[in-house]
Amino acid sequence: MSDFQAVADRVEIEALRGEFTDAAMMRDRARLASLFTPDGVLRMPNIPAELVGREEIRAGGERLQAQWDFFVQTTHPGMIQLAGDTATGRAYLQELARTRDGRQGLNYAIYHDRYRRTPDGWKFTERVYEVRYLDTTPLAGSAPHAAGAPADGPAADSSAAPTRHATSSSAGARTTRVPAAPFTEPAPAQRLERAATALAAHGFTVEILDDAAAARTRIRDLIPAGASVFTAASETLRLSGIDEDINTSGRYQALKPRLLAMDRATSADDIRRLAAAPDVVVGSVAALTETGSLVAASASGSQLPAYAGGAAHAIWIVGAQKVVPDLGTALRRVEEHALPLESARAQAAYGRPSAINRLLVLNAEPRPGRGTVLLLREVIGF
């Protein structure tokens, strides 16, 4: 091979790597997939994930990109080692990303590449993504979306590390799971409004309040004196002081102190009936979707009958960090975030971990006025 041919090959491979980054940034998944051989593979062992073939690379990427508020990938040239019609190489990259549900991060990574000369030029036969550094500290910047531009901004590279999504490509394709940052960031105002609008359209009464102190005051207005009130187990209620207000003020017929005093062996049926059908149930949920659904999980299920319809009125206080885009993300939040925290609490309190033995999804309230959501602008609870 002449020196000129080697130079030309290196230039073309470098252009291939640049095309990959450009296609990712420009949301052009079909173009990105075309940079691979028909049997090419995009591997992400840190995640882990594996996309095999052009269709899977394209379809998997399209499903991932919808989750992003913004994504920026900067790639730096690395080595290229030629071996006739094949070659190997490395490229170095930095990525900034934030998802629509507020997860975000910065990472540094390496692409380990294999290339092949084809009639259409050099193509990737394998691109392996290795994360070397990950920082999930909240990003100070934002995406300056132009008027009329999509809210999710530029394309997300399917190999971006700071998030976790359960996605699948076309039939028969593998499932891709991307690691998640904790579900702890408060949703911004526009997402709270979007969730509130969807809930109202589904029959719930919704109020957006500044903080738990405002919810504590509002509860006194919403619950009439003398009502029988069951407070579900909830860190939100405990931390806000609402649980103590209801159960110790003497203003209401507080059911929790009564239930705790009853013998669980001889009075199990009475305990079940009282908890299932109070005048008012007050609690929280593990997640609230922007599409207008409430998701509650429980080990015992004791609060769920009242939530579902047994109580004449239901009030849920929900911190801003619990707002997520959709039901799939809500279920991940339950399993990956809320469960570990509740298990730790249960282990300390009862000597055993918690579990998702019961799961309730409230998609609508068929009795207008029954269900009230107090959606807070602050973070509180699990």
Protein backbone atom coordinates (compact mmCIF):
# COMPACT_ATOMS: atom_id res chain seq x y z
CA MET A 1 0.00 0.00 0.00
CA SER A 2 1.41 3.42 -0.97
CA ASP A 3 1.96 6.15 1.58
CA PHE A 4 -0.65 8.21 -0.29
CA GLN A 5 -3.23 5.44 0.12
CA ALA A 6 -2.51 5.21 3.86
CA VAL A 7 -2.99 8.96 4.25
CA ALA A 8 -6.23 8.79 2.28
CA ASP A 9 -7.51 5.93 4.43
CA ARG A 10 -6.74 7.81 7.64
CA VAL A 11 -8.51 10.92 6.36
CA GLU A 12 -11.59 8.90 5.37
CA ILE A 13 -11.75 7.08 8.73
CA GLU A 14 -11.44 10.37 10.58
CA ALA A 15 -14.27 11.76 8.44
CA LEU A 16 -16.34 8.67 9.33
CA ARG A 17 -15.87 9.37 13.03
CA GLY A 18 -16.79 13.02 12.55
CA GLU A 19 -19.90 11.99 10.62
CA PHE A 20 -20.99 9.82 13.55
CA THR A 21 -20.88 12.76 15.97
CA ASP A 22 -22.63 15.06 13.51
CA ALA A 23 -25.41 12.55 12.84
CA ALA A 24 -25.94 12.11 16.59
CA MET A 25 -26.08 15.86 17.23
CA MET A 26 -28.38 16.49 14.26
CA ARG A 27 -30.84 13.73 15.25
CA ASP A 28 -30.20 11.91 11.97
CA ARG A 29 -30.46 8.32 13.13
CA ALA A 30 -30.78 6.87 9.64
CA ARG A 31 -27.51 8.53 8.65
CA LEU A 32 -25.82 7.36 11.84
CA ALA A 33 -26.92 3.76 11.22
CA SER A 34 -25.65 3.94 7.64
CA LEU A 35 -22.11 4.52 8.96
CA PHE A 36 -22.02 0.87 10.12
CA THR A 37 -21.69 -2.24 8.02
CA PRO A 38 -24.97 -4.21 7.76
CA ASP A 39 -23.78 -6.47 10.59
CA GLY A 40 -22.08 -3.65 12.54
CA VAL A 41 -22.43 -3.46 16.32
CA LEU A 42 -22.65 -0.56 18.76
CA ARG A 43 -21.68 -1.94 22.19
CA MET A 44 -21.97 -0.13 25.53
CA PRO A 45 -20.65 -2.48 28.26
CA ASN A 46 -20.86 0.15 31.01
CA ILE A 47 -24.61 0.44 30.53
CA PRO A 48 -24.90 -2.49 29.46
CA ALA A 49 -26.38 -2.37 25.98
CA GLU A 50 -25.77 -3.81 22.57
CA LEU A 51 -27.32 -2.72 19.25
CA VAL A 52 -26.65 -5.08 16.36
CA GLY A 53 -27.23 -4.14 12.73
CA ARG A 54 -28.30 -0.89 11.11
CA GLU A 55 -32.01 -1.18 11.89
CA GLU A 56 -31.44 -1.86 15.57
CA ILE A 57 -28.97 1.02 15.84
CA ARG A 58 -31.44 3.37 14.16
CA ALA A 59 -34.52 2.25 16.07
CA GLY A 60 -32.80 2.12 19.45
CA GLY A 61 -31.40 5.60 18.97
CA GLU A 62 -34.75 7.09 18.02
CA ARG A 63 -36.36 5.74 21.16
CA LEU A 64 -33.58 7.17 23.32
CA GLN A 65 -33.44 10.64 21.78
CA ALA A 66 -37.03 11.46 22.75
CA GLN A 67 -36.00 11.47 26.41
CA TRP A 68 -33.54 14.38 26.16
CA ASP A 69 -33.87 18.06 26.94
CA PHE A 70 -30.42 18.58 25.46
CA PHE A 71 -27.36 16.55 24.47
CA VAL A 72 -23.91 17.73 23.40
CA GLN A 73 -21.10 15.39 22.32
CA THR A 74 -17.58 16.63 21.60
CA THR A 75 -15.27 14.03 20.03
CA HIS A 76 -11.47 14.29 19.83
CA PRO A 77 -9.26 12.36 17.38
CA GLY A 78 -7.37 9.33 18.63
CA MET A 79 -5.23 6.63 17.09
CA ILE A 80 -5.86 4.77 13.82
CA GLN A 81 -4.01 1.55 12.97
CA LEU A 82 -4.41 0.32 9.39
CA ALA A 83 -4.28 -3.34 8.35
CA GLY A 84 -5.16 -3.50 4.67
CA ASP A 85 -8.92 -3.38 4.24
CA THR A 86 -9.53 -3.31 7.99
CA ALA A 87 -8.42 -0.97 10.75
CA THR A 88 -8.77 -0.30 14.46
CA GLY A 89 -8.86 2.97 16.30
CA ARG A 90 -9.87 5.01 19.33
CA ALA A 91 -11.67 8.35 19.73
CA TYR A 92 -12.09 10.37 22.93
CA LEU A 93 -15.25 12.21 23.85
CA GLN A 94 -16.95 14.48 26.36
CA GLU A 95 -20.73 14.59 26.74
CA LEU A 96 -23.18 16.93 28.47
CA ALA A 97 -26.78 15.80 28.76
CA ARG A 98 -30.04 16.43 30.55
CA THR A 99 -33.24 14.41 30.18
CA ARG A 100 -36.76 15.80 30.09
CA ASP A 101 -37.40 14.47 33.60
CA GLY A 102 -34.43 16.44 34.99
CA ARG A 103 -31.67 13.82 35.15
CA GLN A 104 -28.36 15.21 34.00
CA GLY A 105 -24.64 14.78 33.91
CA LEU A 106 -21.23 15.13 32.31
CA ASN A 107 -19.00 12.26 31.28
CA TYR A 108 -15.73 11.47 29.54
CA ALA A 109 -15.50 8.30 27.49
CA ILE A 110 -13.60 6.40 24.81
CA TYR A 111 -14.84 4.80 21.61
CA HIS A 112 -12.89 1.63 20.75
CA ASP A 113 -13.46 1.11 17.03
CA ARG A 114 -13.07 -1.47 14.29
CA TYR A 115 -13.45 -0.38 10.66
CA ARG A 116 -13.76 -2.10 7.27
CA ARG A 117 -13.26 -0.85 3.74
CA THR A 118 -16.44 -1.39 1.68
CA PRO A 119 -17.53 -0.40 -1.84
CA ASP A 120 -19.22 2.59 -0.16
CA GLY A 121 -16.09 3.60 1.74
CA TRP A 122 -14.89 2.90 5.28
CA LYS A 123 -17.57 1.82 7.77
CA PHE A 124 -17.72 0.87 11.42
CA THR A 125 -17.92 -2.86 12.07
CA GLU A 126 -17.84 -2.29 15.82
CA ARG A 127 -17.93 0.76 18.08
CA VAL A 128 -17.49 0.05 21.81
CA TYR A 129 -18.32 2.84 24.28
CA GLU A 130 -16.34 2.92 27.53
CA VAL A 131 -17.10 5.51 30.24
CA ARG A 132 -14.00 6.70 32.10
CA TYR A 133 -15.58 9.47 34.23
CA LEU A 134 -19.16 10.36 35.19
CA ASP A 135 -20.39 13.43 37.10
CA THR A 136 -24.12 13.77 37.85
CA THR A 137 -23.79 17.15 39.58
CA PRO A 138 -26.67 19.42 38.37
CA LEU A 139 -25.65 21.36 35.27
CA ALA A 140 -25.80 25.14 35.53
CA GLY A 141 -26.62 25.80 31.88
CA SER A 142 -29.70 25.31 29.74
CA ALA A 143 -30.65 24.65 26.13
CA PRO A 144 -31.66 27.91 24.34
CA HIS A 145 -34.47 26.35 22.29
CA ALA A 146 -35.44 28.42 19.29
CA ALA A 147 -39.08 29.30 18.75
CA GLY A 148 -40.85 26.31 17.32
CA ALA A 149 -37.94 23.97 18.01
CA PRO A 150 -38.63 20.60 19.62
CA ALA A 151 -38.49 20.72 23.42
CA ASP A 152 -36.18 17.77 23.58
CA GLY A 153 -33.42 19.60 21.67
CA PRO A 154 -30.66 17.91 19.67
CA ALA A 155 -30.38 14.19 19.21
CA ALA A 156 -29.09 12.10 22.06
CA ASP A 157 -26.35 9.67 21.23
CA SER A 158 -27.57 6.21 22.13
CA SER A 159 -24.34 5.69 24.00
CA ALA A 160 -24.73 8.65 26.38
CA ALA A 161 -24.09 7.44 29.91
CA PRO A 162 -25.81 9.70 32.46
CA THR A 163 -29.32 8.28 32.01
CA ARG A 164 -31.24 5.08 32.31
CA HIS A 165 -34.03 4.20 29.94
CA ALA A 166 -35.66 0.88 29.14
CA THR A 167 -35.91 0.80 25.38
CA SER A 168 -36.19 -1.79 22.69
CA SER A 169 -35.82 -1.59 18.96
CA SER A 170 -37.77 -3.52 16.34
CA ALA A 171 -39.18 -6.97 16.98
CA GLY A 172 -36.58 -9.43 18.15
CA ALA A 173 -34.07 -6.72 19.13
CA ARG A 174 -32.25 -6.59 22.41
CA THR A 175 -33.33 -4.38 25.28
CA THR A 176 -31.14 -1.37 26.04
CA ARG A 177 -30.87 -0.08 29.59
CA VAL A 178 -28.95 3.09 30.37
CA PRO A 179 -27.87 3.90 33.95
CA ALA A 180 -29.99 6.48 35.75
CA ALA A 181 -29.04 9.37 37.91
CA PRO A 182 -31.16 9.60 41.09
CA PHE A 183 -34.74 10.86 40.70
CA THR A 184 -34.10 13.78 43.05
CA GLU A 185 -34.21 16.90 40.89
CA PRO A 186 -37.35 19.11 41.12
CA ALA A 187 -39.31 19.41 37.91
CA PRO A 188 -39.28 22.94 36.46
CA ALA A 189 -42.40 25.09 36.37
CA GLN A 190 -43.47 24.17 32.84
CA ARG A 191 -43.43 20.46 33.65
CA LEU A 192 -45.43 20.99 36.83
CA GLU A 193 -48.00 22.92 34.82
CA ARG A 194 -48.10 20.19 32.19
CA ALA A 195 -48.74 17.53 34.84
CA ALA A 196 -51.38 19.68 36.54
CA THR A 197 -53.21 20.27 33.27
CA ALA A 198 -53.27 16.55 32.48
CA LEU A 199 -54.50 15.64 35.97
CA ALA A 200 -57.29 18.22 35.77
CA ALA A 201 -58.33 16.82 32.39
CA HIS A 202 -58.62 13.41 34.06
CA GLY A 203 -60.98 14.59 36.80
CA PHE A 204 -58.54 15.44 39.61
CA THR A 205 -58.53 18.75 41.44
CA VAL A 206 -55.00 20.15 41.33
CA GLU A 207 -53.29 22.98 43.17
CA ILE A 208 -49.66 23.95 42.67
CA LEU A 209 -48.20 25.25 45.94
CA ASP A 210 -44.81 26.67 46.82
CA ASP A 211 -43.84 24.25 49.57
CA ALA A 212 -44.86 21.80 52.27
CA ALA A 213 -45.72 24.63 54.65
CA ALA A 214 -48.31 25.87 52.18
CA ALA A 215 -49.71 22.34 51.85
CA ARG A 216 -49.87 22.03 55.64
CA THR A 217 -52.01 25.17 55.78
CA ARG A 218 -54.17 24.13 52.83
CA ILE A 219 -54.95 20.74 54.40
CA ARG A 220 -56.71 22.50 57.29
CA ASP A 221 -59.05 24.14 54.77
CA LEU A 222 -59.71 20.98 52.78
CA ILE A 223 -60.64 18.62 55.64
CA PRO A 224 -63.77 19.48 57.63
CA ALA A 225 -63.60 19.29 61.41
CA GLY A 226 -64.83 15.98 62.78
CA ALA A 227 -64.11 13.98 59.61
CA SER A 228 -62.63 10.51 59.95
CA VAL A 229 -59.15 10.79 58.45
CA PHE A 230 -56.66 8.05 57.62
CA THR A 231 -53.06 9.18 57.04
CA ALA A 232 -51.15 6.72 54.87
CA ALA A 233 -47.54 5.92 55.73
CA SER A 234 -45.60 8.66 53.98
CA GLU A 235 -42.30 10.45 54.45
CA THR A 236 -43.91 13.48 52.81
CA LEU A 237 -46.58 13.62 55.52
CA ARG A 238 -44.06 13.02 58.28
CA LEU A 239 -41.52 15.59 57.13
CA SER A 240 -44.15 18.24 56.41
CA GLY A 241 -45.78 17.86 59.82
CA ILE A 242 -49.14 17.02 58.23
CA ASP A 243 -49.21 13.55 59.79
CA GLU A 244 -48.76 15.02 63.26
CA ASP A 245 -51.28 17.80 62.63
CA ILE A 246 -54.01 15.34 61.70
CA ASN A 247 -53.30 12.66 64.29
CA THR A 248 -52.67 14.80 67.36
CA SER A 249 -54.70 17.99 66.91
CA GLY A 250 -58.03 16.58 68.12
CA ARG A 251 -59.74 18.39 65.24
CA TYR A 252 -60.55 15.16 63.38
CA GLN A 253 -61.46 11.55 64.03
CA ALA A 254 -57.87 10.43 63.42
CA LEU A 255 -57.86 6.77 62.47
CA LYS A 256 -54.14 5.97 62.63
CA PRO A 257 -53.80 6.25 66.45
CA ARG A 258 -56.94 4.14 66.79
CA LEU A 259 -55.70 1.49 64.37
CA LEU A 260 -52.29 1.28 66.04
CA ALA A 261 -53.95 0.65 69.38
CA MET A 262 -56.06 -2.25 68.09
CA ASP A 263 -54.94 -5.88 68.33
CA ARG A 264 -53.88 -6.93 64.86
CA ALA A 265 -54.75 -10.59 65.47
CA THR A 266 -58.22 -10.24 66.99
CA SER A 267 -59.31 -7.03 65.22
CA ALA A 268 -57.86 -7.56 61.75
CA ASP A 269 -61.23 -7.20 60.00
CA ASP A 270 -62.07 -3.98 61.82
CA ILE A 271 -58.63 -2.55 61.02
CA ARG A 272 -59.09 -3.41 57.36
CA ARG A 273 -62.56 -1.81 57.14
CA LEU A 274 -61.56 1.38 58.94
CA ALA A 275 -58.50 1.92 56.77
CA ALA A 276 -60.35 1.16 53.53
CA ALA A 277 -63.28 3.57 53.84
CA PRO A 278 -62.53 6.75 55.81
CA ASP A 279 -64.12 10.09 55.05
CA VAL A 280 -60.72 11.35 53.94
CA VAL A 281 -57.42 9.64 53.14
CA VAL A 282 -54.28 11.77 53.06
CA GLY A 283 -51.02 10.50 51.60
CA SER A 284 -48.56 10.76 48.75
CA VAL A 285 -47.44 8.76 45.73
CA ALA A 286 -44.12 7.52 44.39
CA ALA A 287 -44.53 9.21 41.01
CA LEU A 288 -46.79 11.54 39.06
CA THR A 289 -46.65 11.54 35.27
CA GLU A 290 -46.90 14.51 32.95
CA THR A 291 -49.63 12.55 31.20
CA GLY A 292 -51.83 12.72 34.32
CA SER A 293 -51.36 9.45 36.23
CA LEU A 294 -50.56 8.84 39.91
CA VAL A 295 -48.46 5.79 40.86
CA ALA A 296 -48.48 4.39 44.39
CA ALA A 297 -46.57 1.34 45.62
CA SER A 298 -47.01 -0.56 48.88
CA ALA A 299 -45.69 -3.58 50.71
CA SER A 300 -48.90 -4.21 52.69
CA GLY A 301 -51.47 -2.51 50.47
CA SER A 302 -53.18 -0.98 53.50
CA GLN A 303 -53.57 2.50 51.98
CA LEU A 304 -54.47 1.44 48.45
CA PRO A 305 -58.21 0.64 48.91
CA ALA A 306 -58.80 4.14 50.25
CA TYR A 307 -56.71 5.66 47.45
CA ALA A 308 -58.52 3.69 44.77
CA GLY A 309 -62.03 4.72 45.78
CA GLY A 310 -62.86 3.52 49.29
CA ALA A 311 -62.38 6.94 50.85
CA ALA A 312 -65.00 9.59 50.19
CA HIS A 313 -62.19 12.08 49.55
CA ALA A 314 -58.49 11.60 48.82
CA ILE A 315 -55.68 14.15 49.11
CA TRP A 316 -52.16 13.51 47.82
CA ILE A 317 -49.22 15.82 48.56
CA VAL A 318 -46.55 15.39 45.88
CA GLY A 319 -43.02 16.83 45.81
CA ALA A 320 -41.68 18.32 42.58
CA GLN A 321 -39.03 15.57 42.19
CA LYS A 322 -41.74 12.95 41.70
CA VAL A 323 -42.94 14.37 38.37
CA VAL A 324 -41.79 12.18 35.46
CA PRO A 325 -42.63 12.15 31.73
CA ASP A 326 -44.55 8.90 31.44
CA LEU A 327 -45.66 5.68 33.11
CA GLY A 328 -42.54 3.74 32.14
CA THR A 329 -40.34 6.30 33.87
CA ALA A 330 -42.71 6.31 36.85
CA LEU A 331 -42.32 2.57 37.31
CA ARG A 332 -38.56 2.91 37.12
CA ARG A 333 -38.68 5.62 39.74
CA VAL A 334 -40.66 3.31 42.04
CA GLU A 335 -38.22 0.44 41.64
CA GLU A 336 -34.90 2.22 41.36
CA HIS A 337 -35.35 5.20 43.67
CA ALA A 338 -38.28 4.95 46.08
CA LEU A 339 -37.94 1.26 46.96
CA PRO A 340 -34.31 1.38 48.17
CA LEU A 341 -35.06 4.40 50.37
CA GLU A 342 -38.22 2.87 51.80
CA SER A 343 -36.46 -0.45 52.37
CA ALA A 344 -33.78 1.29 54.41
CA ARG A 345 -36.45 3.05 56.46
CA ALA A 346 -38.45 -0.15 56.97
CA GLN A 347 -35.34 -2.08 57.95
CA ALA A 348 -34.55 0.47 60.66
CA ALA A 349 -38.14 0.71 61.87
CA TYR A 350 -39.38 -2.89 61.60
CA GLY A 351 -36.26 -4.99 61.14
CA ARG A 352 -37.15 -6.03 57.58
CA PRO A 353 -36.92 -4.43 54.12
CA SER A 354 -39.86 -3.22 52.08
CA ALA A 355 -41.15 -4.63 48.79
CA ILE A 356 -43.37 -3.65 45.87
CA ASN A 357 -46.12 -6.15 46.69
CA ARG A 358 -48.95 -3.87 45.56
CA LEU A 359 -48.90 -1.29 42.80
CA LEU A 360 -51.73 1.14 42.06
CA VAL A 361 -51.99 3.40 39.00
CA LEU A 362 -54.68 6.07 39.09
CA ASN A 363 -55.26 7.23 35.51
CA ALA A 364 -58.41 9.26 36.16
CA GLU A 365 -60.90 10.24 38.86
CA PRO A 366 -64.44 9.28 37.79
CA ARG A 367 -66.00 11.16 40.72
CA PRO A 368 -65.20 14.86 40.18
CA GLY A 369 -64.15 16.57 43.38
CA ARG A 370 -63.11 13.36 45.14
CA GLY A 371 -59.37 13.43 44.45
CA THR A 372 -57.16 16.45 45.18
CA VAL A 373 -53.46 16.70 44.31
CA LEU A 374 -51.37 19.33 46.08
CA LEU A 375 -48.36 19.56 43.78
CA LEU A 376 -45.40 21.29 45.40
CA ARG A 377 -42.63 23.30 43.80
CA GLU A 378 -40.15 21.92 46.33
CA VAL A 379 -38.58 18.51 46.90
CA ILE A 380 -39.96 16.48 49.81
CA GLY A 381 -40.28 12.79 50.63
CA PHE A 382 -39.01 9.77 48.70
